[in-house]
Each structure stands twice: as C-alpha cells, then as structure tokens.
C-alpha cells in the first residue's frame, strides 16, 4: 500500500504519458498484490554483472558457514581433549604410561597430548645417549615441544584467514553490484524523455540487494573470525603453560638422574 501511494504521488507530481502512467500503476498493483518485494524475480531479472556478483557473494557466504561449523567442532574437540589429558597428567599418572598411551597406533594425538609426546620422546632419546648432560636433554625436549606447539597452533588457525578475507571483502564486492545497478539506472534515465519509477526501480532494487547480500556474507564471517581468534589465543596460552610446566618436571627428572 505504501508503494502504491508513493507511486501515485510521484505520478501526480510529474505529468506522465498514458503508457508510463499505466506501467507505474501496474508495478504498484503487482507489489500490493504480492505483499512485498519478489527477491527471486529481482535476481533473475538483474543484469549479468550483478548476477555474477550475487553468485560470488552467495558462494562466499556458503563457504564461510561451512568453515564456521567445522571450526566450531575443532575447537570443541580441542578443549575436551585438553581437559581430558590435563586430568590424566596431573592425577599423578606415570609419565611412561602416558607416553605409551600417546604412541598407541590406534589413536591420533592432538593438542596437549601431542606436545607431551614430542617432548617426552625427545627427552628419552637424548637421555639414552652417552655424554649428553641434563641441560642438553631439556633443551632438546623444549625444541621438540615448541615445534609441535607451532604445528598445533597452525592447525587451529587453519581457514581463519579465509573468514577474515570474506568478512573484509564481501561488502566491497557487493558495492560493485550496487554501483553497476545504479549506473544502469542512470543509463535508463538518459535514454527516455520522461523517467518513471517503473523504469528506474528494478535497477535500484538490484543494486541494493547486492549490498544486502554482501553484508549478509560479511557479518557472520567477521563475527566468527573474532570469536575463533580469541579461542585460538586461549588454547595457545594453555599449550604454552603446559609446555613450561612439563619442562620444569623434565628438568627435575634430569637433575635427579645426574645425582
């Protein structure tokens, strides 16, 4: 009804040819009957460049949601595994027993358990060699844990860059479709003596829907990136703290061996 009233007012304010007035009235009537905007019709009737922009944005949005759901499962599993291993580690379990469980070929170790396995394996290997003091053994174990920590952090950060790129570029990609639609609208205005809403409105609508879809793709990606980046940071701090604590345990064990 608002669209009908607006078009009626525009028609009354501007003297239109009978054909133009009839076209405007028809558009208003269709909008009133349908009860709103037919978004599918806007997309199908849009120009080819705008359709390509919309297709690209929809693909980016689908990709971002796939990454969001996958990373949610990854971080949930990482937290659960870290809690489980810390409970077993600080419960007083034997280090050799924990190491045998970590090296079980039927399991894939990640997170804290992978850091523990790498450090204890290198510490044990150097310990069995003659002429290597406790300090060298500890430094070797720390190097192995740092390398594993970097690898685990890299796995946690995988695909976060894609979310950041989608979040930062989608509004600009949508703006390309907006500019193109407005450019066509002005081109249509230049080709007619009397401009009507029926001629201009479709191009303005396709321009605005490109911006809307660009924001629809960007906002969830930005939100997920910020949230997941914080979770990666917390997990990394947790891994680093465990590596420091385990280094202290290995240092005491290496010192006791020398005595």
Protein backbone atom coordinates (compact mmCIF):
# COMPACT_ATOMS: atom_id res chain seq x y z
CA UNK A 1 0.00 0.00 0.00
CA UNK A 2 2.86 2.37 0.76
CA UNK A 3 4.41 1.56 -2.59
CA UNK A 4 1.10 2.25 -4.33
CA UNK A 5 0.67 5.56 -2.55
CA UNK A 6 4.27 6.57 -3.29
CA UNK A 7 3.94 5.79 -6.97
CA UNK A 8 0.60 7.54 -7.14
CA UNK A 9 2.11 10.65 -5.59
CA UNK A 10 5.07 10.51 -7.98
CA UNK A 11 2.69 10.14 -10.91
CA UNK A 12 0.61 13.06 -9.76
CA UNK A 13 3.67 15.27 -9.24
CA UNK A 14 5.12 14.52 -12.67
CA UNK A 15 2.97 14.61 -15.80
CA UNK A 16 3.39 11.20 -17.42
CA UNK A 17 2.40 9.78 -20.73
CA UNK A 18 -0.57 7.40 -20.59
CA UNK A 19 1.68 4.39 -21.25
CA UNK A 20 4.10 5.39 -18.50
CA UNK A 21 1.31 6.00 -16.03
CA UNK A 22 -0.19 2.62 -16.83
CA UNK A 23 3.18 0.90 -16.34
CA UNK A 24 3.70 2.60 -13.00
CA UNK A 25 0.22 1.65 -11.87
CA UNK A 26 0.82 -1.96 -12.92
CA UNK A 27 4.07 -2.17 -10.93
CA UNK A 28 2.35 -0.71 -7.89
CA UNK A 29 -0.54 -3.12 -8.22
CA UNK A 30 1.79 -6.14 -8.51
CA UNK A 31 3.70 -5.01 -5.44
CA UNK A 32 0.50 -4.53 -3.49
CA UNK A 33 -0.88 -7.90 -4.53
CA UNK A 34 2.31 -9.78 -3.77
CA UNK A 35 2.56 -8.08 -0.41
CA UNK A 36 6.23 -7.16 -0.82
CA UNK A 37 9.30 -7.47 -2.98
CA UNK A 38 9.84 -10.55 -5.11
CA UNK A 39 13.53 -11.05 -4.42
CA UNK A 40 13.85 -14.03 -6.74
CA UNK A 41 12.41 -12.01 -9.61
CA UNK A 42 14.83 -9.18 -8.87
CA UNK A 43 17.78 -11.55 -9.03
CA UNK A 44 16.59 -13.30 -12.19
CA UNK A 45 15.90 -10.01 -13.97
CA UNK A 46 19.15 -8.38 -12.84
CA UNK A 47 21.90 -7.64 -15.32
CA UNK A 48 24.56 -10.28 -15.89
CA UNK A 49 27.35 -8.47 -13.98
CA UNK A 50 25.08 -8.06 -10.95
CA UNK A 51 24.07 -11.73 -11.14
CA UNK A 52 27.74 -12.72 -11.19
CA UNK A 53 28.39 -10.55 -8.14
CA UNK A 54 25.43 -12.11 -6.32
CA UNK A 55 26.58 -15.62 -7.23
CA UNK A 56 30.07 -14.86 -5.93
CA UNK A 57 28.67 -13.48 -2.67
CA UNK A 58 26.36 -16.44 -2.13
CA UNK A 59 29.28 -18.81 -2.72
CA UNK A 60 31.42 -16.87 -0.23
CA UNK A 61 28.60 -16.97 2.33
CA UNK A 62 28.16 -20.74 1.96
CA UNK A 63 31.92 -21.26 2.28
CA UNK A 64 32.10 -19.11 5.40
CA UNK A 65 29.29 -21.05 7.08
CA UNK A 66 30.98 -24.36 6.25
CA UNK A 67 34.18 -23.09 7.88
CA UNK A 68 32.26 -21.75 10.87
CA UNK A 69 30.60 -25.09 11.64
CA UNK A 70 33.78 -27.07 11.08
CA UNK A 71 35.92 -24.82 13.28
CA UNK A 72 33.29 -24.97 16.00
CA UNK A 73 33.71 -28.75 16.13
CA UNK A 74 37.52 -28.44 16.03
CA UNK A 75 37.70 -26.07 18.99
CA UNK A 76 35.15 -28.01 20.99
CA UNK A 77 37.19 -31.18 20.48
CA UNK A 78 40.45 -29.38 21.33
CA UNK A 79 39.03 -28.11 24.63
CA UNK A 80 37.67 -31.54 25.53
CA UNK A 81 40.97 -33.29 24.72
CA UNK A 82 42.97 -30.72 26.66
CA UNK A 83 40.75 -31.15 29.72
CA UNK A 84 40.96 -34.94 29.50
CA UNK A 85 44.74 -35.04 29.16
CA UNK A 86 45.33 -32.48 31.91
CA UNK A 87 43.17 -34.54 34.27
CA UNK A 88 45.21 -37.65 33.50
CA UNK A 89 48.55 -35.83 33.62
CA UNK A 90 48.05 -34.02 36.92
CA UNK A 91 46.40 -37.02 38.58
CA UNK A 92 49.85 -38.44 39.21
CA UNK A 93 49.93 -40.94 36.37
CA UNK A 94 53.30 -42.38 35.39
CA UNK A 95 54.94 -40.46 32.50
CA UNK A 96 55.97 -43.65 30.76
CA UNK A 97 52.40 -44.91 30.88
CA UNK A 98 51.11 -41.62 29.44
CA UNK A 99 53.74 -41.84 26.72
CA UNK A 100 52.73 -45.38 25.77
CA UNK A 101 49.10 -44.29 25.55
CA UNK A 102 50.10 -41.33 23.35
CA UNK A 103 52.11 -43.51 20.98
CA UNK A 104 49.33 -46.06 20.53
CA UNK A 105 48.98 -46.50 16.76
CA UNK A 106 45.22 -46.81 17.04
CA UNK A 107 44.96 -43.21 18.22
CA UNK A 108 45.74 -39.80 16.74
CA UNK A 109 47.07 -37.45 19.39
CA UNK A 110 46.48 -33.70 19.21
CA UNK A 111 46.89 -30.65 21.36
CA UNK A 112 48.45 -31.08 24.79
CA UNK A 113 48.97 -34.81 24.37
CA UNK A 114 50.89 -34.24 21.13
CA UNK A 115 53.11 -31.65 22.86
CA UNK A 116 53.74 -34.06 25.72
CA UNK A 117 54.51 -36.93 23.36
CA UNK A 118 57.02 -34.88 21.34
CA UNK A 119 58.80 -33.54 24.41
CA UNK A 120 58.99 -36.82 26.28
CA UNK A 121 60.10 -38.73 23.18
CA UNK A 122 63.00 -36.35 22.54
CA UNK A 123 63.91 -36.25 26.22
CA UNK A 124 64.01 -40.06 26.38
CA UNK A 125 66.01 -40.32 23.15
CA UNK A 126 68.69 -37.90 24.35
CA UNK A 127 68.71 -39.47 27.78
CA UNK A 128 69.76 -42.80 26.30
CA UNK A 129 72.78 -41.26 24.59
CA UNK A 130 76.08 -41.05 26.41
CA UNK A 131 77.81 -37.75 27.01
CA UNK A 132 74.69 -35.57 26.90
CA UNK A 133 74.05 -33.66 30.10
CA UNK A 134 70.68 -32.83 31.63
CA UNK A 135 70.65 -29.31 30.22
CA UNK A 136 71.07 -30.55 26.65
CA UNK A 137 68.33 -33.12 27.22
CA UNK A 138 65.95 -30.43 28.47
CA UNK A 139 66.74 -28.06 25.61
CA UNK A 140 66.10 -30.83 23.08
CA UNK A 141 62.76 -31.63 24.67
CA UNK A 142 61.81 -27.94 24.68
CA UNK A 143 62.67 -27.59 20.98
CA UNK A 144 60.51 -30.59 20.16
CA UNK A 145 57.61 -29.17 22.18
CA UNK A 146 57.93 -25.75 20.55
CA UNK A 147 57.84 -27.30 17.09
CA UNK A 148 54.76 -29.37 17.96
CA UNK A 149 53.10 -26.36 19.59
CA UNK A 150 53.63 -24.33 16.43
CA UNK A 151 52.14 -27.14 14.33
CA UNK A 152 49.11 -27.49 16.63
CA UNK A 153 48.55 -23.73 16.62
CA UNK A 154 48.75 -23.72 12.85
CA UNK A 155 46.05 -26.39 12.68
CA UNK A 156 43.83 -24.34 14.97
CA UNK A 157 44.33 -21.24 12.80
CA UNK A 158 43.66 -23.00 9.51
CA UNK A 159 40.93 -21.34 7.40
CA UNK A 160 40.62 -18.40 9.80
CA UNK A 161 42.34 -16.28 7.16
CA UNK A 162 39.58 -17.24 4.73
CA UNK A 163 36.95 -15.98 7.17
CA UNK A 164 38.85 -12.73 7.56
CA UNK A 165 39.08 -12.29 3.79
CA UNK A 166 35.38 -12.98 3.27
CA UNK A 167 34.44 -10.60 6.05
CA UNK A 168 36.61 -7.77 4.76
CA UNK A 169 35.98 -8.06 1.02
CA UNK A 170 32.30 -9.06 0.76
CA UNK A 171 30.94 -5.53 1.38
CA UNK A 172 33.16 -4.18 -1.39
CA UNK A 173 32.13 -6.94 -3.77
CA UNK A 174 28.50 -6.10 -3.02
CA UNK A 175 29.31 -2.46 -3.64
CA UNK A 176 30.45 -3.39 -7.15
CA UNK A 177 26.98 -4.76 -7.84
CA UNK A 178 25.43 -1.66 -6.29
CA UNK A 179 27.46 0.69 -8.45
CA UNK A 180 26.65 -1.34 -11.55
CA UNK A 181 22.92 -1.32 -10.84
CA UNK A 182 22.87 2.43 -10.20
CA UNK A 183 24.90 3.03 -13.34
CA UNK A 184 22.33 1.10 -15.41
CA UNK A 185 19.52 3.05 -13.71
CA UNK A 186 21.06 6.35 -14.73
CA UNK A 187 21.68 5.00 -18.21
CA UNK A 188 17.98 4.16 -18.47
CA UNK A 189 17.14 7.68 -17.33
CA UNK A 190 19.28 9.14 -20.07
CA UNK A 191 17.52 7.16 -22.79
CA UNK A 192 13.99 8.34 -22.05
CA UNK A 193 12.35 11.74 -22.11
CA UNK A 194 10.15 11.06 -19.12
CA UNK A 195 11.53 8.87 -16.35
CA UNK A 196 9.18 6.69 -14.36
CA UNK A 197 9.57 4.62 -11.25
CA UNK A 198 8.74 1.54 -13.31
CA UNK A 199 11.90 2.12 -15.35
CA UNK A 200 14.26 3.03 -12.51
CA UNK A 201 13.06 0.93 -9.58
CA UNK A 202 14.22 -2.52 -10.81
CA UNK A 203 17.82 -1.36 -11.29
CA UNK A 204 17.87 0.43 -7.94
CA UNK A 205 16.47 -2.68 -6.28
CA UNK A 206 19.08 -4.98 -7.81
CA UNK A 207 21.73 -2.51 -6.72
CA UNK A 208 20.54 -2.54 -3.12
CA UNK A 209 20.11 -6.31 -2.96
CA UNK A 210 23.77 -6.71 -3.95
CA UNK A 211 24.77 -4.56 -0.98
CA UNK A 212 22.45 -6.52 1.32
CA UNK A 213 23.88 -9.89 0.29
CA UNK A 214 27.41 -8.51 0.65
CA UNK A 215 26.66 -7.58 4.26
CA UNK A 216 24.91 -10.92 4.82
CA UNK A 217 28.11 -12.70 3.79
CA UNK A 218 30.45 -10.38 5.71
CA UNK A 219 28.83 -10.05 9.13
CA UNK A 220 28.85 -13.76 10.16
CA UNK A 221 32.40 -14.17 8.82
CA UNK A 222 33.71 -11.21 10.83
CA UNK A 223 31.91 -12.33 13.98
CA UNK A 224 33.20 -15.90 13.66
CA UNK A 225 36.76 -14.76 12.94
CA UNK A 226 36.91 -12.56 16.04
CA UNK A 227 35.40 -15.26 18.23
CA UNK A 228 37.59 -18.06 16.92
CA UNK A 229 40.75 -15.95 17.02
CA UNK A 230 40.13 -15.45 20.74
CA UNK A 231 39.64 -19.19 21.23
CA UNK A 232 42.88 -19.95 19.39
CA UNK A 233 44.70 -17.46 21.58
CA UNK A 234 43.33 -19.04 24.76
CA UNK A 235 44.25 -22.55 23.59
CA UNK A 236 47.74 -21.40 22.60
CA UNK A 237 48.30 -19.85 26.03
CA UNK A 238 47.13 -23.10 27.58
CA UNK A 239 49.53 -25.13 25.45
CA UNK A 240 52.44 -22.84 26.27
CA UNK A 241 51.70 -23.02 30.00
CA UNK A 242 51.65 -26.82 29.87
CA UNK A 243 54.94 -26.89 27.97
CA UNK A 244 56.54 -24.71 30.66
CA UNK A 245 55.20 -26.89 33.46
CA UNK A 246 56.31 -30.07 31.73
CA UNK A 247 59.77 -28.57 31.13
CA UNK A 248 60.08 -28.00 34.88
CA UNK A 249 59.19 -31.63 35.53
CA UNK A 250 61.74 -32.84 32.99
CA UNK A 251 64.37 -30.53 34.47
CA UNK A 252 63.86 -32.04 37.92
CA UNK A 253 63.92 -35.55 36.49
CA UNK A 254 67.11 -34.85 34.54
CA UNK A 255 68.76 -33.36 37.63
CA UNK A 256 67.87 -36.35 39.73
CA UNK A 257 69.41 -38.68 37.14
CA UNK A 258 72.74 -36.86 37.35
CA UNK A 259 72.80 -37.19 41.11
